[in-house]
Every structure is written in structure tokens, then in C-alpha cells.
């Protein structure tokens, strides 16, 4: 009979060749679930951080961006397919898509 594995987040100790190693491992509940901080996904968090930086620099009414920016982005995100922010940044020239040729390349060999 095999021993039961420790619960997620438990302290695991392994012995290999007389050497003891300790590992603290935390596994997500679902492997396909996106990374979240509080209720914000990574792209929402990026918008929140940029809004906070703008508010810190310009002060005044820009502090409304800290709340309104992520909320407006989350609302707009519901209307478009996944990954639309990456495509908008690509179309504006702010980000390159990795693994794809540039727009000026005439031939592409895989």
C-alpha cells in the first residue's frame, strides 16, 4: 500500500544519497487557472500599476485612475477575445509578438 502524498503547501523533505533537502511547494488548485493577485489577473494588475504610477506622478484627479482604470479595462475585456491587449500593443508598435516574423519580412520559413 502506497503512503498518501502530503497536502498541497505542506513541507516536503527528500533524502537522496544521504543528503536531506527541504522544499516548500505550493501548487495551484487548477493548472489552467490564470495567476491572480486578489481579484486581478496579470493584465488587470499591469493596468492598476500603470494607473498608480501615473497618479503618483501627476497627482490630483489622476488618483481616480487607480480605481477607474482597472475597472474600465475589466469591463472592456469582457467584450473582446482573450489576449486582445497583446494584439493592441503589437498594432501600436509597443510590443513584438515572439516567434513571429516582423511586418516587413517578405518570406517566412518554419
C-alpha atoms as a PDB file:
ATOM      1  CA  UNK A   1       0.000   0.000   0.000  1.00  0.00           C
ATOM      2  CA  UNK A   2       1.391   3.417  -1.008  1.00  0.00           C
ATOM      3  CA  UNK A   3       1.540   6.256   1.526  1.00  0.00           C
ATOM      4  CA  UNK A   4      -0.684   9.246   0.829  1.00  0.00           C
ATOM      5  CA  UNK A   5       1.051  12.304  -0.612  1.00  0.00           C
ATOM      6  CA  UNK A   6       1.247  15.378   1.615  1.00  0.00           C
ATOM      7  CA  UNK A   7      -1.413  18.045   1.108  1.00  0.00           C
ATOM      8  CA  UNK A   8      -0.593  20.995  -1.176  1.00  0.00           C
ATOM      9  CA  UNK A   9       1.623  23.544   0.518  1.00  0.00           C
ATOM     10  CA  UNK A  10       2.960  21.023   3.030  1.00  0.00           C
ATOM     11  CA  UNK A  11       6.634  20.859   3.968  1.00  0.00           C
ATOM     12  CA  UNK A  12       8.279  18.069   1.962  1.00  0.00           C
ATOM     13  CA  UNK A  13      11.647  16.548   2.885  1.00  0.00           C
ATOM     14  CA  UNK A  14      13.549  14.310   0.486  1.00  0.00           C
ATOM     15  CA  UNK A  15      16.585  12.149   1.148  1.00  0.00           C
ATOM     16  CA  UNK A  16      18.842  11.366  -1.768  1.00  0.00           C
ATOM     17  CA  UNK A  17      22.292   9.810  -1.332  1.00  0.00           C
ATOM     18  CA  UNK A  18      22.253  10.691   2.358  1.00  0.00           C
ATOM     19  CA  UNK A  19      21.533  14.397   1.674  1.00  0.00           C
ATOM     20  CA  UNK A  20      18.337  15.858   3.068  1.00  0.00           C
ATOM     21  CA  UNK A  21      16.653  18.630   1.102  1.00  0.00           C
ATOM     22  CA  UNK A  22      13.653  20.651   2.202  1.00  0.00           C
ATOM     23  CA  UNK A  23      11.194  22.051  -0.305  1.00  0.00           C
ATOM     24  CA  UNK A  24       8.152  24.172   0.307  1.00  0.00           C
ATOM     25  CA  UNK A  25       5.851  23.672  -2.651  1.00  0.00           C
ATOM     26  CA  UNK A  26       2.562  25.328  -3.368  1.00  0.00           C
ATOM     27  CA  UNK A  27       0.538  24.027  -6.273  1.00  0.00           C
ATOM     28  CA  UNK A  28      -2.397  25.871  -7.830  1.00  0.00           C
ATOM     29  CA  UNK A  29      -5.761  24.223  -7.445  1.00  0.00           C
ATOM     30  CA  UNK A  30      -6.155  24.051 -11.231  1.00  0.00           C
ATOM     31  CA  UNK A  31      -3.221  24.027 -13.629  1.00  0.00           C
ATOM     32  CA  UNK A  32      -5.022  26.047 -16.287  1.00  0.00           C
ATOM     33  CA  UNK A  33      -6.179  28.797 -13.920  1.00  0.00           C
ATOM     34  CA  UNK A  34      -4.534  32.185 -14.548  1.00  0.00           C
ATOM     35  CA  UNK A  35      -2.276  33.854 -11.994  1.00  0.00           C
ATOM     36  CA  UNK A  36      -4.275  36.246  -9.821  1.00  0.00           C
ATOM     37  CA  UNK A  37      -3.437  38.796  -7.145  1.00  0.00           C
ATOM     38  CA  UNK A  38      -6.572  39.434  -5.092  1.00  0.00           C
ATOM     39  CA  UNK A  39      -9.242  39.502  -7.821  1.00  0.00           C
ATOM     40  CA  UNK A  40      -6.971  40.944 -10.540  1.00  0.00           C
ATOM     41  CA  UNK A  41      -5.433  38.870 -13.317  1.00  0.00           C
ATOM     42  CA  UNK A  42      -1.943  39.776 -14.531  1.00  0.00           C
ATOM     43  CA  UNK A  43      -3.072  42.152 -17.281  1.00  0.00           C
ATOM     44  CA  UNK A  44      -5.511  43.880 -14.892  1.00  0.00           C
ATOM     45  CA  UNK A  45      -2.699  44.206 -12.366  1.00  0.00           C
ATOM     46  CA  UNK A  46      -0.472  45.799 -15.005  1.00  0.00           C
ATOM     47  CA  UNK A  47      -3.158  48.397 -15.758  1.00  0.00           C
ATOM     48  CA  UNK A  48      -3.549  49.037 -12.000  1.00  0.00           C
ATOM     49  CA  UNK A  49       0.208  49.531 -11.538  1.00  0.00           C
ATOM     50  CA  UNK A  50       0.453  51.880 -14.516  1.00  0.00           C
ATOM     51  CA  UNK A  51      -2.555  53.830 -13.174  1.00  0.00           C
ATOM     52  CA  UNK A  52      -0.900  54.075  -9.764  1.00  0.00           C
ATOM     53  CA  UNK A  53       2.360  55.300 -11.305  1.00  0.00           C
ATOM     54  CA  UNK A  54       0.541  57.978 -13.321  1.00  0.00           C
ATOM     55  CA  UNK A  55      -1.386  59.070 -10.215  1.00  0.00           C
ATOM     56  CA  UNK A  56       1.843  59.259  -8.202  1.00  0.00           C
ATOM     57  CA  UNK A  57       3.480  61.460 -10.828  1.00  0.00           C
ATOM     58  CA  UNK A  58       0.619  63.789 -11.803  1.00  0.00           C
ATOM     59  CA  UNK A  59      -1.425  63.771  -8.533  1.00  0.00           C
ATOM     60  CA  UNK A  60      -4.846  65.454  -8.264  1.00  0.00           C
ATOM     61  CA  UNK A  61      -7.642  63.949 -10.347  1.00  0.00           C
ATOM     62  CA  UNK A  62      -5.312  61.246 -11.669  1.00  0.00           C
ATOM     63  CA  UNK A  63      -5.903  59.297  -8.429  1.00  0.00           C
ATOM     64  CA  UNK A  64      -9.303  58.375  -9.875  1.00  0.00           C
ATOM     65  CA  UNK A  65      -7.389  56.365 -12.496  1.00  0.00           C
ATOM     66  CA  UNK A  66      -6.232  53.943  -9.795  1.00  0.00           C
ATOM     67  CA  UNK A  67      -9.820  52.724  -9.419  1.00  0.00           C
ATOM     68  CA  UNK A  68     -11.389  53.670 -12.761  1.00  0.00           C
ATOM     69  CA  UNK A  69      -8.544  52.374 -14.973  1.00  0.00           C
ATOM     70  CA  UNK A  70      -8.680  48.698 -13.952  1.00  0.00           C
ATOM     71  CA  UNK A  71     -12.490  48.724 -13.724  1.00  0.00           C
ATOM     72  CA  UNK A  72     -12.880  50.144 -17.232  1.00  0.00           C
ATOM     73  CA  UNK A  73     -10.291  47.704 -18.563  1.00  0.00           C
ATOM     74  CA  UNK A  74     -12.038  44.718 -16.922  1.00  0.00           C
ATOM     75  CA  UNK A  75     -15.346  45.834 -18.426  1.00  0.00           C
ATOM     76  CA  UNK A  76     -13.777  46.246 -21.908  1.00  0.00           C
ATOM     77  CA  UNK A  77     -12.021  42.892 -21.565  1.00  0.00           C
ATOM     78  CA  UNK A  78     -15.386  41.108 -21.402  1.00  0.00           C
ATOM     79  CA  UNK A  79     -16.274  42.331 -24.918  1.00  0.00           C
ATOM     80  CA  UNK A  80     -13.133  41.106 -26.682  1.00  0.00           C
ATOM     81  CA  UNK A  81     -11.422  37.707 -27.063  1.00  0.00           C
ATOM     82  CA  UNK A  82      -8.559  36.597 -24.828  1.00  0.00           C
ATOM     83  CA  UNK A  83      -5.228  38.252 -25.484  1.00  0.00           C
ATOM     84  CA  UNK A  84      -6.584  41.388 -27.137  1.00  0.00           C
ATOM     85  CA  UNK A  85      -4.292  43.659 -25.073  1.00  0.00           C
ATOM     86  CA  UNK A  86      -1.205  41.945 -26.516  1.00  0.00           C
ATOM     87  CA  UNK A  87      -2.570  42.485 -30.031  1.00  0.00           C
ATOM     88  CA  UNK A  88      -3.379  46.135 -29.345  1.00  0.00           C
ATOM     89  CA  UNK A  89       0.162  46.677 -28.045  1.00  0.00           C
ATOM     90  CA  UNK A  90       1.510  44.920 -31.160  1.00  0.00           C
ATOM     91  CA  UNK A  91      -0.584  47.036 -33.539  1.00  0.00           C
ATOM     92  CA  UNK A  92       0.527  50.223 -31.772  1.00  0.00           C
ATOM     93  CA  UNK A  93       4.186  49.152 -32.108  1.00  0.00           C
ATOM     94  CA  UNK A  94       4.836  48.920 -28.364  1.00  0.00           C
ATOM     95  CA  UNK A  95       5.396  45.135 -28.248  1.00  0.00           C
ATOM     96  CA  UNK A  96       6.693  42.480 -30.624  1.00  0.00           C
ATOM     97  CA  UNK A  97       4.984  39.111 -30.845  1.00  0.00           C
ATOM     98  CA  UNK A  98       7.557  36.434 -30.070  1.00  0.00           C
ATOM     99  CA  UNK A  99       8.030  33.651 -32.598  1.00  0.00           C
ATOM    100  CA  UNK A 100       6.507  35.577 -35.496  1.00  0.00           C
ATOM    101  CA  UNK A 101       8.241  37.440 -38.337  1.00  0.00           C
ATOM    102  CA  UNK A 102       8.275  41.221 -38.445  1.00  0.00           C
ATOM    103  CA  UNK A 103       5.771  43.012 -40.660  1.00  0.00           C
ATOM    104  CA  UNK A 104       8.492  43.917 -43.173  1.00  0.00           C
ATOM    105  CA  UNK A 105       9.718  40.352 -43.729  1.00  0.00           C
ATOM    106  CA  UNK A 106       8.733  39.029 -47.172  1.00  0.00           C
ATOM    107  CA  UNK A 107       9.379  35.303 -46.617  1.00  0.00           C
ATOM    108  CA  UNK A 108       8.847  33.165 -43.557  1.00  0.00           C
ATOM    109  CA  UNK A 109      10.207  29.629 -43.349  1.00  0.00           C
ATOM    110  CA  UNK A 110       9.116  27.479 -40.440  1.00  0.00           C
END
